[in-house]
Amino acid sequence: MIGLVVKEKRPAATFNNVKQMFVPVSYWKAFPSDHTMFAFTAFFMALIFGLPAALALLSLALWVAWGRVFCGLHYPIDILGGITVAAFVSIFSWYLYLLVF
C-alpha cells in the first residue's frame, strides 16, 4: 500500500551502473522492501511472544535485508522503511492480541 503512494524506482532503473543479480517483477516499486518487511515481522513477532528462535530469525532477517541491497534491488532507506513498517505492524498486532485474548 505504501508503495502505491511512494513511487520510488529501483536502483537499477535509476542508475545505469547498478548491476542486478536477477530481474524483479516491477521496476517502479522499491519502498518499502516487502521481503525485509516480512522477514522482520517474523522476527518481531517471535520476540514479542518469547520464542527461543527469535535470535536466529534476527540473523535471517538481516541476511534478507542485506541481500536486497547487495543484489541491487533496494536502497538502504527501503530496508529501513520495511523494518519500520514491520515494527508498527507487530506492535499493533500484539495490542490487538491483548484486546482479544
N, C-alpha and C. Protein backbone atom coordinates (compact mmCIF):
# COMPACT_ATOMS: atom_id res chain seq x y z
N MET A 1 0.82 -1.19 0.00
CA MET A 1 0.00 0.00 0.00
C MET A 1 0.87 1.26 0.00
N ILE A 2 1.93 1.25 0.78
CA ILE A 2 2.82 2.41 0.83
C ILE A 2 3.50 2.58 -0.52
N GLY A 3 3.82 1.47 -1.18
CA GLY A 3 4.48 1.51 -2.48
C GLY A 3 3.63 2.17 -3.55
N LEU A 4 2.30 2.15 -3.38
CA LEU A 4 1.43 2.82 -4.33
C LEU A 4 1.46 4.33 -4.15
N VAL A 5 1.75 4.78 -2.94
CA VAL A 5 1.81 6.22 -2.67
C VAL A 5 3.21 6.76 -2.94
N VAL A 6 4.22 6.07 -2.45
CA VAL A 6 5.61 6.49 -2.64
C VAL A 6 6.17 5.71 -3.83
N LYS A 7 6.14 6.31 -4.99
CA LYS A 7 6.59 5.61 -6.20
C LYS A 7 8.07 5.87 -6.41
N GLU A 8 8.88 5.06 -5.76
CA GLU A 8 10.32 5.16 -5.88
C GLU A 8 10.81 4.03 -6.78
N LYS A 9 11.60 4.39 -7.78
CA LYS A 9 12.13 3.39 -8.69
C LYS A 9 13.27 2.63 -8.04
N ARG A 10 13.51 1.43 -8.51
CA ARG A 10 14.61 0.62 -8.02
C ARG A 10 15.94 1.20 -8.48
N PRO A 11 17.04 0.87 -7.77
CA PRO A 11 18.35 1.44 -8.14
C PRO A 11 18.75 1.17 -9.59
N ALA A 12 18.46 0.00 -10.11
CA ALA A 12 18.86 -0.31 -11.48
C ALA A 12 18.07 0.50 -12.51
N ALA A 13 16.87 0.92 -12.16
CA ALA A 13 16.07 1.74 -13.06
C ALA A 13 16.52 3.20 -13.02
N THR A 14 17.18 3.60 -11.95
CA THR A 14 17.62 4.99 -11.80
C THR A 14 19.06 5.18 -12.27
N PHE A 15 19.94 4.24 -11.92
CA PHE A 15 21.36 4.36 -12.24
C PHE A 15 21.77 3.27 -13.23
N ASN A 16 22.50 3.67 -14.26
CA ASN A 16 22.93 2.71 -15.28
C ASN A 16 24.03 1.78 -14.80
N ASN A 17 24.82 2.20 -13.82
CA ASN A 17 25.96 1.39 -13.38
C ASN A 17 25.60 0.35 -12.32
N VAL A 18 24.36 0.29 -11.87
CA VAL A 18 23.94 -0.71 -10.89
C VAL A 18 23.60 -2.00 -11.62
N LYS A 19 24.25 -3.05 -11.24
CA LYS A 19 24.01 -4.36 -11.84
C LYS A 19 23.14 -5.20 -10.90
N GLN A 20 22.05 -5.72 -11.45
CA GLN A 20 21.16 -6.58 -10.67
C GLN A 20 21.55 -8.04 -10.86
N MET A 21 21.32 -8.83 -9.84
CA MET A 21 21.59 -10.25 -9.96
C MET A 21 20.42 -11.01 -10.56
N PHE A 22 19.22 -10.44 -10.47
CA PHE A 22 18.04 -11.02 -11.11
C PHE A 22 17.06 -9.91 -11.42
N VAL A 23 16.08 -10.20 -12.24
CA VAL A 23 15.13 -9.19 -12.71
C VAL A 23 13.89 -9.22 -11.81
N PRO A 24 13.54 -8.06 -11.21
CA PRO A 24 12.35 -8.01 -10.38
C PRO A 24 11.08 -7.98 -11.24
N VAL A 25 9.94 -8.23 -10.60
CA VAL A 25 8.67 -8.21 -11.31
C VAL A 25 8.33 -6.79 -11.77
N SER A 26 8.61 -5.81 -10.93
CA SER A 26 8.31 -4.42 -11.29
C SER A 26 9.51 -3.53 -10.96
N TYR A 27 9.67 -2.49 -11.75
CA TYR A 27 10.77 -1.55 -11.53
C TYR A 27 10.33 -0.30 -10.79
N TRP A 28 9.02 -0.08 -10.67
CA TRP A 28 8.54 1.18 -10.09
C TRP A 28 8.38 1.13 -8.59
N LYS A 29 8.32 -0.06 -7.97
CA LYS A 29 8.06 -0.13 -6.53
C LYS A 29 9.29 -0.62 -5.78
N ALA A 30 9.88 0.29 -5.01
CA ALA A 30 11.04 -0.10 -4.21
C ALA A 30 10.83 0.16 -2.73
N PHE A 31 9.99 1.12 -2.38
CA PHE A 31 9.82 1.49 -0.97
C PHE A 31 8.46 1.06 -0.48
N PRO A 32 8.40 0.42 0.65
CA PRO A 32 9.43 -0.25 1.43
C PRO A 32 9.72 -1.63 0.86
N SER A 33 10.77 -2.23 1.32
CA SER A 33 11.13 -3.57 0.86
C SER A 33 10.18 -4.59 1.50
N ASP A 34 9.38 -5.24 0.65
CA ASP A 34 8.42 -6.22 1.16
C ASP A 34 9.12 -7.43 1.78
N HIS A 35 10.19 -7.89 1.15
CA HIS A 35 10.90 -9.05 1.68
C HIS A 35 11.46 -8.76 3.08
N THR A 36 12.03 -7.58 3.23
CA THR A 36 12.56 -7.18 4.54
C THR A 36 11.43 -7.03 5.55
N MET A 37 10.32 -6.46 5.10
CA MET A 37 9.19 -6.27 5.99
C MET A 37 8.67 -7.61 6.51
N PHE A 38 8.53 -8.60 5.65
CA PHE A 38 8.03 -9.91 6.08
C PHE A 38 9.02 -10.61 7.00
N ALA A 39 10.32 -10.52 6.66
CA ALA A 39 11.33 -11.17 7.49
C ALA A 39 11.39 -10.56 8.88
N PHE A 40 11.34 -9.22 8.98
CA PHE A 40 11.41 -8.59 10.28
C PHE A 40 10.09 -8.70 11.05
N THR A 41 8.98 -8.84 10.36
CA THR A 41 7.71 -9.10 11.06
C THR A 41 7.78 -10.45 11.76
N ALA A 42 8.34 -11.45 11.10
CA ALA A 42 8.50 -12.76 11.74
C ALA A 42 9.42 -12.65 12.96
N PHE A 43 10.50 -11.89 12.82
CA PHE A 43 11.42 -11.71 13.96
C PHE A 43 10.74 -10.98 15.12
N PHE A 44 10.06 -9.87 14.83
CA PHE A 44 9.43 -9.10 15.90
C PHE A 44 8.33 -9.89 16.60
N MET A 45 7.55 -10.65 15.85
CA MET A 45 6.50 -11.46 16.47
C MET A 45 7.10 -12.56 17.34
N ALA A 46 8.19 -13.17 16.88
CA ALA A 46 8.86 -14.18 17.70
C ALA A 46 9.43 -13.56 18.96
N LEU A 47 9.94 -12.34 18.85
CA LEU A 47 10.47 -11.62 20.01
C LEU A 47 9.36 -11.26 20.99
N ILE A 48 8.25 -10.78 20.48
CA ILE A 48 7.12 -10.39 21.34
C ILE A 48 6.58 -11.60 22.11
N PHE A 49 6.45 -12.72 21.42
CA PHE A 49 5.86 -13.91 22.06
C PHE A 49 6.89 -14.79 22.74
N GLY A 50 8.15 -14.36 22.78
CA GLY A 50 9.17 -15.05 23.54
C GLY A 50 9.60 -16.39 22.98
N LEU A 51 9.57 -16.53 21.69
CA LEU A 51 10.01 -17.79 21.08
C LEU A 51 11.54 -17.89 21.15
N PRO A 52 12.05 -19.07 21.42
CA PRO A 52 13.50 -19.21 21.56
C PRO A 52 14.27 -19.00 20.25
N ALA A 53 13.59 -19.08 19.13
CA ALA A 53 14.26 -18.92 17.83
C ALA A 53 14.33 -17.47 17.37
N ALA A 54 14.02 -16.53 18.24
CA ALA A 54 13.96 -15.12 17.84
C ALA A 54 15.32 -14.61 17.35
N LEU A 55 16.40 -14.98 18.04
CA LEU A 55 17.71 -14.51 17.60
C LEU A 55 18.12 -15.13 16.27
N ALA A 56 17.74 -16.35 16.04
CA ALA A 56 18.02 -16.97 14.74
C ALA A 56 17.24 -16.25 13.64
N LEU A 57 16.01 -15.88 13.94
CA LEU A 57 15.22 -15.14 12.95
C LEU A 57 15.80 -13.75 12.70
N LEU A 58 16.41 -13.14 13.72
CA LEU A 58 17.06 -11.85 13.51
C LEU A 58 18.20 -11.98 12.51
N SER A 59 19.01 -13.00 12.67
CA SER A 59 20.13 -13.17 11.73
C SER A 59 19.62 -13.43 10.32
N LEU A 60 18.56 -14.20 10.18
CA LEU A 60 17.99 -14.45 8.85
C LEU A 60 17.38 -13.19 8.26
N ALA A 61 16.70 -12.39 9.09
CA ALA A 61 16.11 -11.14 8.60
C ALA A 61 17.19 -10.16 8.15
N LEU A 62 18.30 -10.12 8.87
CA LEU A 62 19.40 -9.24 8.47
C LEU A 62 20.02 -9.71 7.16
N TRP A 63 20.10 -11.01 6.95
CA TRP A 63 20.60 -11.53 5.68
C TRP A 63 19.67 -11.15 4.53
N VAL A 64 18.37 -11.24 4.76
CA VAL A 64 17.41 -10.85 3.73
C VAL A 64 17.57 -9.38 3.38
N ALA A 65 17.67 -8.54 4.41
CA ALA A 65 17.82 -7.09 4.19
C ALA A 65 19.11 -6.78 3.43
N TRP A 66 20.20 -7.38 3.86
CA TRP A 66 21.48 -7.14 3.20
C TRP A 66 21.44 -7.65 1.75
N GLY A 67 20.83 -8.78 1.55
CA GLY A 67 20.76 -9.36 0.21
C GLY A 67 19.99 -8.50 -0.77
N ARG A 68 18.95 -7.83 -0.31
CA ARG A 68 18.16 -6.97 -1.19
C ARG A 68 18.98 -5.78 -1.68
N VAL A 69 19.80 -5.23 -0.81
CA VAL A 69 20.67 -4.12 -1.22
C VAL A 69 21.81 -4.65 -2.08
N PHE A 70 22.41 -5.75 -1.69
CA PHE A 70 23.54 -6.33 -2.40
C PHE A 70 23.16 -6.70 -3.84
N CYS A 71 21.95 -7.20 -4.02
CA CYS A 71 21.50 -7.60 -5.36
C CYS A 71 21.10 -6.42 -6.23
N GLY A 72 21.12 -5.22 -5.69
CA GLY A 72 20.79 -4.03 -6.46
C GLY A 72 19.31 -3.79 -6.62
N LEU A 73 18.51 -4.34 -5.74
CA LEU A 73 17.06 -4.21 -5.86
C LEU A 73 16.48 -3.12 -4.97
N HIS A 74 17.20 -2.72 -3.91
CA HIS A 74 16.69 -1.72 -2.98
C HIS A 74 17.80 -0.80 -2.52
N TYR A 75 17.38 0.39 -2.12
CA TYR A 75 18.26 1.33 -1.43
C TYR A 75 18.22 1.00 0.07
N PRO A 76 19.22 1.42 0.83
CA PRO A 76 19.17 1.19 2.28
C PRO A 76 17.94 1.81 2.95
N ILE A 77 17.45 2.94 2.44
CA ILE A 77 16.26 3.57 3.04
C ILE A 77 15.03 2.68 2.84
N ASP A 78 14.99 1.91 1.75
CA ASP A 78 13.89 0.96 1.54
C ASP A 78 13.90 -0.13 2.61
N ILE A 79 15.09 -0.53 3.00
CA ILE A 79 15.25 -1.55 4.04
C ILE A 79 14.77 -0.99 5.38
N LEU A 80 15.18 0.24 5.69
CA LEU A 80 14.74 0.86 6.94
C LEU A 80 13.23 1.06 6.96
N GLY A 81 12.66 1.39 5.81
CA GLY A 81 11.21 1.52 5.72
C GLY A 81 10.51 0.20 5.98
N GLY A 82 11.06 -0.90 5.45
CA GLY A 82 10.49 -2.22 5.69
C GLY A 82 10.57 -2.62 7.15
N ILE A 83 11.70 -2.30 7.80
CA ILE A 83 11.85 -2.61 9.22
C ILE A 83 10.87 -1.79 10.06
N THR A 84 10.70 -0.53 9.71
CA THR A 84 9.77 0.35 10.44
C THR A 84 8.34 -0.13 10.31
N VAL A 85 7.92 -0.47 9.10
CA VAL A 85 6.56 -0.97 8.91
C VAL A 85 6.37 -2.27 9.67
N ALA A 86 7.37 -3.15 9.64
CA ALA A 86 7.28 -4.41 10.38
C ALA A 86 7.13 -4.18 11.88
N ALA A 87 7.85 -3.20 12.41
CA ALA A 87 7.75 -2.90 13.84
C ALA A 87 6.35 -2.40 14.18
N PHE A 88 5.81 -1.49 13.37
CA PHE A 88 4.46 -0.97 13.64
C PHE A 88 3.41 -2.06 13.53
N VAL A 89 3.50 -2.90 12.52
CA VAL A 89 2.53 -3.99 12.35
C VAL A 89 2.62 -4.98 13.50
N SER A 90 3.82 -5.28 13.93
CA SER A 90 3.99 -6.23 15.03
C SER A 90 3.45 -5.68 16.34
N ILE A 91 3.73 -4.43 16.63
CA ILE A 91 3.22 -3.82 17.86
C ILE A 91 1.70 -3.71 17.82
N PHE A 92 1.14 -3.31 16.68
CA PHE A 92 -0.31 -3.23 16.54
C PHE A 92 -0.95 -4.60 16.71
N SER A 93 -0.34 -5.62 16.11
CA SER A 93 -0.87 -6.98 16.23
C SER A 93 -0.82 -7.48 17.67
N TRP A 94 0.23 -7.12 18.38
CA TRP A 94 0.35 -7.53 19.77
C TRP A 94 -0.73 -6.88 20.62
N TYR A 95 -0.97 -5.57 20.43
CA TYR A 95 -2.04 -4.91 21.17
C TYR A 95 -3.40 -5.49 20.81
N LEU A 96 -3.60 -5.81 19.56
CA LEU A 96 -4.86 -6.43 19.14
C LEU A 96 -5.03 -7.80 19.78
N TYR A 97 -3.95 -8.54 19.87
CA TYR A 97 -3.96 -9.85 20.51
C TYR A 97 -4.33 -9.69 22.00
N LEU A 98 -3.75 -8.69 22.65
CA LEU A 98 -4.07 -8.48 24.07
C LEU A 98 -5.54 -8.08 24.29
N LEU A 99 -6.10 -7.36 23.35
CA LEU A 99 -7.50 -6.96 23.48
C LEU A 99 -8.44 -8.15 23.29
N VAL A 100 -8.11 -9.04 22.39
CA VAL A 100 -8.99 -10.17 22.08
C VAL A 100 -8.86 -11.28 23.10
N PHE A 101 -7.62 -11.57 23.53
CA PHE A 101 -7.42 -12.70 24.43
C PHE A 101 -7.09 -12.15 25.77
